[in-house]
Amino acid sequence: MHSLFKNHWFIFSTIYLIFFFWYTNISGPLSEAEIKEAMKRFDSRNIVTPLKDRENFLKFIQEDDGGDFYMVNYLDLNESPPIMENTGKDASANDLLDYYMEYMFPEMFSRASHPVFFGSTSANAIDHIGSPETKEWDQVGLIRYRSIRDMLEISGNEVFTERHQYKTGALIKTIAVPVASPFIIDMRIVIFMLILMLALSVDKLRKK
């Protein structure tokens, strides 16, 4: 026990550094080759994509700074979702979304990406200008991604393509808006403060 107290700053520092380098993208922004590959996959999707959506996605990944970001998701659930193979005929929209997230959660967590909050709306949009079809939403979620590269890796395989069909079936409409990472809720700061308090508490115990 004495040895633990004596080396606690080293132990806590090591734990934090392991967390920090896992939680932080240290591979830098996307390369030109990665951007070209991402656009190749984007263009190969079997959906009709408006030109502006393509240009917007290209601009988003070209301006990658290598840092983390948040995706704000607005979801309008389909009250009569289609019958799909792996969820059955009595499945609700939430059942389809659960099947989709069954793939997403492990892929996100393994890349230090995770939900920040997710909840049902308590009313339609109160402050709303234009686009009346975007006034009504059922759920809102905020997802943290370690980097754009991690997001592309998650969405870049056949399993995601298959599961994403269930998300599409579960929704009438959706909007996903990327937002720059706010400093105040950065988990690296939160974990640092917690570990610092633990280390100082051990210092206090040693002095007794």
Protein backbone atom coordinates (compact mmCIF):
# COMPACT_ATOMS: atom_id res chain seq x y z
CA MET A 1 0.00 0.00 0.00
CA HIS A 2 2.85 2.38 0.86
CA SER A 3 4.44 1.69 -2.53
CA LEU A 4 1.15 2.51 -4.25
CA PHE A 5 0.89 5.82 -2.45
CA LYS A 6 4.51 6.61 -3.25
CA ASN A 7 4.06 6.07 -6.99
CA HIS A 8 0.48 7.25 -7.38
CA TRP A 9 1.34 10.28 -9.53
CA PHE A 10 3.17 8.02 -11.98
CA ILE A 11 0.26 5.54 -12.04
CA PHE A 12 -2.40 8.21 -12.51
CA SER A 13 -0.31 9.99 -15.17
CA THR A 14 0.14 6.74 -17.08
CA ILE A 15 -3.59 5.99 -16.96
CA TYR A 16 -4.40 9.48 -18.24
CA LEU A 17 -1.84 9.35 -21.05
CA ILE A 18 -3.21 5.99 -22.23
CA PHE A 19 -6.72 7.47 -22.25
CA PHE A 20 -5.58 10.69 -23.93
CA PHE A 21 -3.82 9.02 -26.83
CA TRP A 22 -6.71 6.58 -27.34
CA TYR A 23 -9.29 9.37 -27.22
CA THR A 24 -7.31 11.68 -29.51
CA ASN A 25 -6.69 11.26 -33.22
CA ILE A 26 -2.90 11.36 -33.63
CA SER A 27 -2.92 10.39 -37.33
CA GLY A 28 -3.59 13.90 -38.60
CA PRO A 29 -6.17 14.98 -41.19
CA LEU A 30 -7.31 12.88 -44.13
CA SER A 31 -4.82 12.41 -46.96
CA GLU A 32 -5.69 13.07 -50.60
CA ALA A 33 -5.83 9.31 -51.18
CA GLU A 34 -8.31 8.89 -48.32
CA ILE A 35 -10.47 11.72 -49.64
CA LYS A 36 -10.54 10.17 -53.12
CA GLU A 37 -11.48 6.78 -51.67
CA ALA A 38 -14.24 8.35 -49.55
CA MET A 39 -15.71 10.11 -52.60
CA LYS A 40 -15.48 6.89 -54.60
CA ARG A 41 -17.60 5.14 -51.96
CA PHE A 42 -19.95 8.12 -51.80
CA ASP A 43 -20.53 7.99 -55.56
CA SER A 44 -21.04 4.22 -55.56
CA ARG A 45 -24.01 4.31 -53.18
CA ASN A 46 -27.24 3.15 -54.77
CA ILE A 47 -29.17 6.33 -54.02
CA VAL A 48 -29.91 9.55 -55.87
CA THR A 49 -27.72 12.26 -54.35
CA PRO A 50 -28.29 15.94 -55.14
CA LEU A 51 -25.17 17.64 -56.49
CA LYS A 52 -25.09 20.08 -53.58
CA ASP A 53 -25.02 17.21 -51.09
CA ARG A 54 -21.99 15.76 -52.86
CA GLU A 55 -20.22 19.11 -52.91
CA ASN A 56 -21.04 19.67 -49.23
CA PHE A 57 -19.66 16.25 -48.23
CA LEU A 58 -16.49 16.82 -50.29
CA LYS A 59 -15.97 20.23 -48.66
CA PHE A 60 -16.49 18.70 -45.21
CA ILE A 61 -13.79 16.05 -45.62
CA GLN A 62 -11.38 18.34 -47.51
CA GLU A 63 -11.43 20.78 -44.59
CA ASP A 64 -10.62 18.03 -42.07
CA ASP A 65 -8.20 19.31 -39.42
CA GLY A 66 -7.74 15.88 -37.83
CA GLY A 67 -9.67 16.82 -34.71
CA ASP A 68 -12.81 15.44 -33.15
CA PHE A 69 -16.30 16.74 -33.93
CA TYR A 70 -19.92 16.23 -32.94
CA MET A 71 -22.81 15.11 -35.12
CA VAL A 72 -26.20 16.54 -34.22
CA ASN A 73 -28.94 14.15 -35.36
CA TYR A 74 -32.63 14.99 -35.76
CA LEU A 75 -34.89 11.97 -36.26
CA ASP A 76 -38.54 11.76 -37.37
CA LEU A 77 -39.68 8.18 -36.79
CA ASN A 78 -41.77 6.21 -39.26
CA GLU A 79 -44.93 5.02 -37.47
CA SER A 80 -45.40 2.30 -40.11
CA PRO A 81 -41.88 1.07 -40.90
CA PRO A 82 -41.38 -1.50 -43.66
CA ILE A 83 -41.12 -5.19 -42.85
CA MET A 84 -37.45 -6.08 -42.90
CA GLU A 85 -35.76 -9.47 -42.75
CA ASN A 86 -33.91 -9.24 -39.45
CA THR A 87 -36.52 -7.32 -37.44
CA GLY A 88 -39.77 -8.99 -38.51
CA LYS A 89 -43.26 -7.76 -39.34
CA ASP A 90 -44.19 -6.37 -35.91
CA ALA A 91 -41.04 -4.30 -35.47
CA SER A 92 -41.38 -0.62 -34.59
CA ALA A 93 -39.15 2.16 -35.85
CA ASN A 94 -37.16 1.95 -32.62
CA ASP A 95 -36.65 -1.78 -33.20
CA LEU A 96 -35.13 -1.01 -36.59
CA LEU A 97 -32.93 1.69 -35.08
CA ASP A 98 -31.81 -0.70 -32.33
CA TYR A 99 -30.72 -3.18 -35.00
CA TYR A 100 -28.77 -0.43 -36.75
CA MET A 101 -27.13 0.73 -33.50
CA GLU A 102 -26.25 -2.87 -32.59
CA TYR A 103 -23.56 -2.48 -35.25
CA MET A 104 -22.78 1.18 -34.61
CA PHE A 105 -22.10 1.12 -30.85
CA PRO A 106 -19.17 -1.37 -30.86
CA GLU A 107 -17.66 0.29 -33.93
CA MET A 108 -17.92 3.73 -32.33
CA PHE A 109 -16.66 2.75 -28.88
CA SER A 110 -13.63 0.95 -30.34
CA ARG A 111 -12.69 4.26 -31.99
CA ALA A 112 -13.28 6.50 -28.96
CA SER A 113 -16.55 7.75 -30.48
CA HIS A 114 -19.75 7.73 -28.46
CA PRO A 115 -23.16 9.30 -27.81
CA VAL A 116 -23.18 12.39 -25.62
CA PHE A 117 -26.93 12.48 -25.19
CA PHE A 118 -30.01 11.06 -26.86
CA GLY A 119 -33.62 11.80 -26.07
CA SER A 120 -37.18 12.25 -27.26
CA THR A 121 -38.41 15.75 -28.07
CA SER A 122 -40.96 17.29 -25.71
CA ALA A 123 -42.57 19.49 -28.38
CA ASN A 124 -42.24 20.55 -31.99
CA ALA A 125 -39.65 23.21 -32.77
CA ILE A 126 -40.53 26.37 -30.82
CA ASP A 127 -38.24 28.76 -32.70
CA HIS A 128 -38.65 27.88 -36.36
CA ILE A 129 -38.08 29.85 -39.57
CA GLY A 130 -38.87 28.42 -43.01
CA SER A 131 -38.99 24.80 -44.19
CA PRO A 132 -42.20 23.75 -42.38
CA GLU A 133 -41.43 20.08 -43.00
CA THR A 134 -38.46 20.36 -40.63
CA LYS A 135 -40.53 21.56 -37.66
CA GLU A 136 -41.52 18.13 -36.35
CA TRP A 137 -38.97 15.71 -34.86
CA ASP A 138 -39.32 12.73 -32.53
CA GLN A 139 -35.75 12.34 -31.24
CA VAL A 140 -32.50 14.28 -31.09
CA GLY A 141 -29.05 12.81 -30.51
CA LEU A 142 -25.51 14.13 -30.22
CA ILE A 143 -22.64 11.82 -31.19
CA ARG A 144 -18.94 12.49 -30.62
CA TYR A 145 -16.52 11.22 -33.29
CA ARG A 146 -12.78 11.11 -32.66
CA SER A 147 -12.14 12.15 -36.25
CA ILE A 148 -13.66 12.19 -39.72
CA ARG A 149 -11.41 9.22 -40.52
CA ASP A 150 -13.09 7.20 -37.77
CA MET A 151 -16.53 8.11 -39.10
CA LEU A 152 -15.51 7.01 -42.60
CA GLU A 153 -14.09 3.73 -41.30
CA ILE A 154 -17.34 2.99 -39.46
CA SER A 155 -19.44 3.65 -42.57
CA GLY A 156 -17.03 2.08 -45.03
CA ASN A 157 -17.91 -1.61 -44.93
CA GLU A 158 -20.69 -3.88 -46.16
CA VAL A 159 -22.13 -4.47 -42.69
CA PHE A 160 -22.81 -0.75 -42.31
CA THR A 161 -24.48 -0.65 -45.73
CA GLU A 162 -26.79 -3.50 -44.74
CA ARG A 163 -27.60 -2.05 -41.32
CA HIS A 164 -28.09 1.47 -42.67
CA GLN A 165 -31.11 0.24 -44.65
CA TYR A 166 -32.82 -0.37 -41.30
CA LYS A 167 -32.13 3.20 -40.20
CA THR A 168 -33.58 4.44 -43.49
CA GLY A 169 -36.66 2.28 -42.99
CA ALA A 170 -37.13 3.56 -39.44
CA LEU A 171 -37.28 7.21 -40.45
CA ILE A 172 -39.51 9.55 -42.39
CA LYS A 173 -36.81 12.18 -42.41
CA THR A 174 -33.52 12.94 -40.68
CA ILE A 175 -30.85 15.63 -40.57
CA ALA A 176 -27.27 15.11 -39.42
CA VAL A 177 -25.21 18.27 -38.91
CA PRO A 178 -21.49 18.17 -37.99
CA VAL A 179 -20.42 20.65 -35.33
CA ALA A 180 -16.92 21.68 -34.22
CA SER A 181 -15.91 20.19 -30.87
CA PRO A 182 -16.68 22.51 -27.91
CA PHE A 183 -13.82 22.75 -25.43
CA ILE A 184 -16.01 22.86 -22.33
CA ILE A 185 -17.38 19.31 -22.63
CA ASP A 186 -14.17 17.66 -23.84
CA MET A 187 -13.84 14.34 -21.99
CA ARG A 188 -10.07 14.78 -21.92
CA ILE A 189 -10.59 17.77 -19.63
CA VAL A 190 -13.21 15.97 -17.54
CA ILE A 191 -11.03 12.87 -17.05
CA PHE A 192 -7.96 15.03 -16.32
CA MET A 193 -9.83 16.86 -13.56
CA LEU A 194 -11.11 13.60 -12.06
CA ILE A 195 -7.64 12.00 -12.04
CA LEU A 196 -6.12 15.18 -10.62
CA MET A 197 -8.64 15.14 -7.76
CA LEU A 198 -7.88 11.47 -7.08
CA ALA A 199 -4.15 12.12 -7.01
CA LEU A 200 -4.55 15.10 -4.67
CA SER A 201 -6.80 13.00 -2.42
CA VAL A 202 -4.07 10.36 -2.17
CA ASP A 203 -1.58 13.13 -1.31
CA LYS A 204 -3.90 14.24 1.47
CA LEU A 205 -4.19 10.70 2.83
CA ARG A 206 -0.41 10.31 2.87
CA LYS A 207 -0.05 13.41 5.05
CA LYS A 208 -2.36 12.06 7.74
